[in-house]
Amino acid sequence: MVFITLATLVGLGFNTLPDGTQILITSKEGATSIARGEIQDFTLNLKTLNKGMLPANTEVRMLIVTPLPSQVKKGFEGITTNDGKDILLDLGTGRGSFRKILSENYKIRLKFE
């Protein structure tokens, strides 16, 4: 619980995640695309291969790319949750819920398609 709280306070290392920020989630090896999406109007719609959910208990990599002109790219590793509706990201201080970090730090809602 302490780790999630610290991860939430730290966030993802971005001041903001503006419209047009792209998210790509792949298998840990990077060979298979699992989901991708873009932030628009404080919502991240992730398009998945599994009809609205991520594969359960799967190690993944996530790439976040902010839009130009000051494009920033950051990568994270983590594991998907049992229900396939969240990713527990490895943030150095422990694991943090991607959904919770988006909501509490950036006021962004996570939806799956």
C-alpha atoms as a PDB file:
ATOM      1  CA  MET A   1       0.000   0.000   0.000  1.00  0.00           C
ATOM      2  CA  VAL A   2       2.809   2.412   0.784  1.00  0.00           C
ATOM      3  CA  PHE A   3       4.413   1.722  -2.593  1.00  0.00           C
ATOM      4  CA  ILE A   4       1.238   2.523  -4.498  1.00  0.00           C
ATOM      5  CA  THR A   5       0.862   5.774  -2.573  1.00  0.00           C
ATOM      6  CA  LEU A   6       4.466   6.763  -3.340  1.00  0.00           C
ATOM      7  CA  ALA A   7       4.050   5.795  -6.990  1.00  0.00           C
ATOM      8  CA  THR A   8       0.911   7.893  -7.182  1.00  0.00           C
ATOM      9  CA  LEU A   9       2.731  10.896  -5.755  1.00  0.00           C
ATOM     10  CA  VAL A  10       5.635  10.467  -8.178  1.00  0.00           C
ATOM     11  CA  GLY A  11       3.405   9.850 -11.187  1.00  0.00           C
ATOM     12  CA  LEU A  12       4.977   8.905 -14.487  1.00  0.00           C
ATOM     13  CA  GLY A  13       7.537  11.695 -14.615  1.00  0.00           C
ATOM     14  CA  PHE A  14       5.481  13.985 -16.861  1.00  0.00           C
ATOM     15  CA  ASN A  15       4.116  17.374 -15.781  1.00  0.00           C
ATOM     16  CA  THR A  16       1.041  16.776 -17.934  1.00  0.00           C
ATOM     17  CA  LEU A  17      -0.231  14.237 -20.434  1.00  0.00           C
ATOM     18  CA  PRO A  18      -1.831  16.458 -23.102  1.00  0.00           C
ATOM     19  CA  ASP A  19      -4.252  15.489 -25.860  1.00  0.00           C
ATOM     20  CA  GLY A  20      -2.416  13.555 -28.527  1.00  0.00           C
ATOM     21  CA  THR A  21      -0.207  11.639 -26.077  1.00  0.00           C
ATOM     22  CA  GLN A  22       0.137   8.104 -27.427  1.00  0.00           C
ATOM     23  CA  ILE A  23       0.411   4.900 -25.394  1.00  0.00           C
ATOM     24  CA  LEU A  24       1.715   1.618 -26.823  1.00  0.00           C
ATOM     25  CA  ILE A  25       1.668  -1.601 -24.797  1.00  0.00           C
ATOM     26  CA  THR A  26       3.617  -4.616 -26.026  1.00  0.00           C
ATOM     27  CA  SER A  27       4.708  -7.967 -24.700  1.00  0.00           C
ATOM     28  CA  LYS A  28       7.798  -7.734 -22.509  1.00  0.00           C
ATOM     29  CA  GLU A  29       9.925  -8.940 -25.424  1.00  0.00           C
ATOM     30  CA  GLY A  30       8.387  -6.173 -27.557  1.00  0.00           C
ATOM     31  CA  ALA A  31       7.399  -8.610 -30.305  1.00  0.00           C
ATOM     32  CA  THR A  32       3.616  -8.487 -29.874  1.00  0.00           C
ATOM     33  CA  SER A  33       1.423  -5.392 -29.724  1.00  0.00           C
ATOM     34  CA  ILE A  34      -1.178  -5.784 -26.960  1.00  0.00           C
ATOM     35  CA  ALA A  35      -2.883  -2.371 -26.915  1.00  0.00           C
ATOM     36  CA  ARG A  36      -2.531   1.170 -28.142  1.00  0.00           C
ATOM     37  CA  GLY A  37      -4.354   4.403 -27.591  1.00  0.00           C
ATOM     38  CA  GLU A  38      -4.296   8.171 -27.508  1.00  0.00           C
ATOM     39  CA  ILE A  39      -5.376  10.679 -24.887  1.00  0.00           C
ATOM     40  CA  GLN A  40      -8.231  12.973 -25.942  1.00  0.00           C
ATOM     41  CA  ASP A  41     -10.416  15.130 -23.685  1.00  0.00           C
ATOM     42  CA  PHE A  42      -8.977  13.671 -20.438  1.00  0.00           C
ATOM     43  CA  THR A  43      -9.690  10.090 -21.568  1.00  0.00           C
ATOM     44  CA  LEU A  44      -7.291   7.374 -22.682  1.00  0.00           C
ATOM     45  CA  ASN A  45      -9.085   4.910 -24.963  1.00  0.00           C
ATOM     46  CA  LEU A  46      -6.936   1.794 -25.243  1.00  0.00           C
ATOM     47  CA  LYS A  47      -7.744  -0.435 -28.195  1.00  0.00           C
ATOM     48  CA  THR A  48      -6.922  -4.001 -27.219  1.00  0.00           C
ATOM     49  CA  LEU A  49      -6.710  -7.305 -29.047  1.00  0.00           C
ATOM     50  CA  ASN A  50      -8.864  -8.989 -26.374  1.00  0.00           C
ATOM     51  CA  LYS A  51     -12.145  -7.089 -26.753  1.00  0.00           C
ATOM     52  CA  GLY A  52     -11.877  -4.533 -24.018  1.00  0.00           C
ATOM     53  CA  MET A  53      -9.299  -6.057 -21.731  1.00  0.00           C
ATOM     54  CA  LEU A  54      -5.602  -6.776 -21.480  1.00  0.00           C
ATOM     55  CA  PRO A  55      -4.346 -10.351 -21.195  1.00  0.00           C
ATOM     56  CA  ALA A  56      -4.318 -11.291 -17.494  1.00  0.00           C
ATOM     57  CA  ASN A  57      -1.057 -11.620 -15.552  1.00  0.00           C
ATOM     58  CA  THR A  58       1.156 -10.755 -18.518  1.00  0.00           C
ATOM     59  CA  GLU A  59       4.497  -8.964 -18.304  1.00  0.00           C
ATOM     60  CA  VAL A  60       4.364  -5.927 -20.578  1.00  0.00           C
ATOM     61  CA  ARG A  61       6.251  -2.872 -21.727  1.00  0.00           C
ATOM     62  CA  MET A  62       4.578   0.489 -22.104  1.00  0.00           C
ATOM     63  CA  LEU A  63       5.796   3.396 -24.209  1.00  0.00           C
ATOM     64  CA  ILE A  64       4.347   6.867 -23.632  1.00  0.00           C
ATOM     65  CA  VAL A  65       4.996   9.513 -26.299  1.00  0.00           C
ATOM     66  CA  THR A  66       3.863  13.103 -25.824  1.00  0.00           C
ATOM     67  CA  PRO A  67       3.034  15.173 -28.930  1.00  0.00           C
ATOM     68  CA  LEU A  68       5.318  17.615 -30.704  1.00  0.00           C
ATOM     69  CA  PRO A  69       6.908  20.163 -30.406  1.00  0.00           C
ATOM     70  CA  SER A  70       8.458  18.992 -27.130  1.00  0.00           C
ATOM     71  CA  GLN A  71       8.040  15.288 -27.802  1.00  0.00           C
ATOM     72  CA  VAL A  72       9.054  13.145 -24.832  1.00  0.00           C
ATOM     73  CA  LYS A  73       9.236   9.344 -24.840  1.00  0.00           C
ATOM     74  CA  LYS A  74       9.300   7.219 -21.698  1.00  0.00           C
ATOM     75  CA  GLY A  75       9.156   3.483 -21.277  1.00  0.00           C
ATOM     76  CA  PHE A  76       7.909   1.410 -18.366  1.00  0.00           C
ATOM     77  CA  GLU A  77       7.638  -2.276 -17.546  1.00  0.00           C
ATOM     78  CA  GLY A  78       4.887  -3.901 -15.551  1.00  0.00           C
ATOM     79  CA  ILE A  79       2.393  -6.709 -15.258  1.00  0.00           C
ATOM     80  CA  THR A  80      -1.292  -6.732 -16.102  1.00  0.00           C
ATOM     81  CA  THR A  81      -3.810  -7.433 -13.362  1.00  0.00           C
ATOM     82  CA  ASN A  82      -5.911 -10.592 -13.001  1.00  0.00           C
ATOM     83  CA  ASP A  83      -8.987  -8.877 -14.466  1.00  0.00           C
ATOM     84  CA  GLY A  84      -7.073  -7.360 -17.409  1.00  0.00           C
ATOM     85  CA  LYS A  85      -8.251  -3.824 -16.585  1.00  0.00           C
ATOM     86  CA  ASP A  86      -5.026  -2.302 -15.215  1.00  0.00           C
ATOM     87  CA  ILE A  87      -1.242  -2.514 -15.312  1.00  0.00           C
ATOM     88  CA  LEU A  88       0.930  -2.535 -12.216  1.00  0.00           C
ATOM     89  CA  LEU A  89       3.938  -0.527 -13.376  1.00  0.00           C
ATOM     90  CA  ASP A  90       7.450  -0.970 -11.972  1.00  0.00           C
ATOM     91  CA  LEU A  91       8.384   2.568 -10.928  1.00  0.00           C
ATOM     92  CA  GLY A  92      11.592   1.983  -8.962  1.00  0.00           C
ATOM     93  CA  THR A  93       9.872   2.634  -5.628  1.00  0.00           C
ATOM     94  CA  GLY A  94       7.572  -0.341  -6.108  1.00  0.00           C
ATOM     95  CA  ARG A  95       4.617  -1.066  -8.297  1.00  0.00           C
ATOM     96  CA  GLY A  96       1.882   1.435  -9.010  1.00  0.00           C
ATOM     97  CA  SER A  97      -1.519   1.151 -10.654  1.00  0.00           C
ATOM     98  CA  PHE A  98      -1.492   2.794 -14.090  1.00  0.00           C
ATOM     99  CA  ARG A  99      -5.233   3.489 -13.794  1.00  0.00           C
ATOM    100  CA  LYS A 100      -4.817   5.155 -10.386  1.00  0.00           C
ATOM    101  CA  ILE A 101      -1.817   7.233 -11.482  1.00  0.00           C
ATOM    102  CA  LEU A 102      -3.694   8.467 -14.569  1.00  0.00           C
ATOM    103  CA  SER A 103      -6.725   9.358 -12.480  1.00  0.00           C
ATOM    104  CA  GLU A 104      -5.057  10.964  -9.462  1.00  0.00           C
ATOM    105  CA  ASN A 105      -2.056  12.651 -11.061  1.00  0.00           C
ATOM    106  CA  TYR A 106      -3.378  13.621 -14.486  1.00  0.00           C
ATOM    107  CA  LYS A 107      -7.203  13.524 -14.092  1.00  0.00           C
ATOM    108  CA  ILE A 108      -7.377  11.107 -17.040  1.00  0.00           C
ATOM    109  CA  ARG A 109      -9.930   8.313 -17.268  1.00  0.00           C
ATOM    110  CA  LEU A 110      -8.838   4.932 -18.672  1.00  0.00           C
ATOM    111  CA  LYS A 111     -11.256   3.102 -20.995  1.00  0.00           C
ATOM    112  CA  PHE A 112     -10.818  -0.078 -23.011  1.00  0.00           C
ATOM    113  CA  GLU A 113     -12.208  -0.802 -26.477  1.00  0.00           C
END
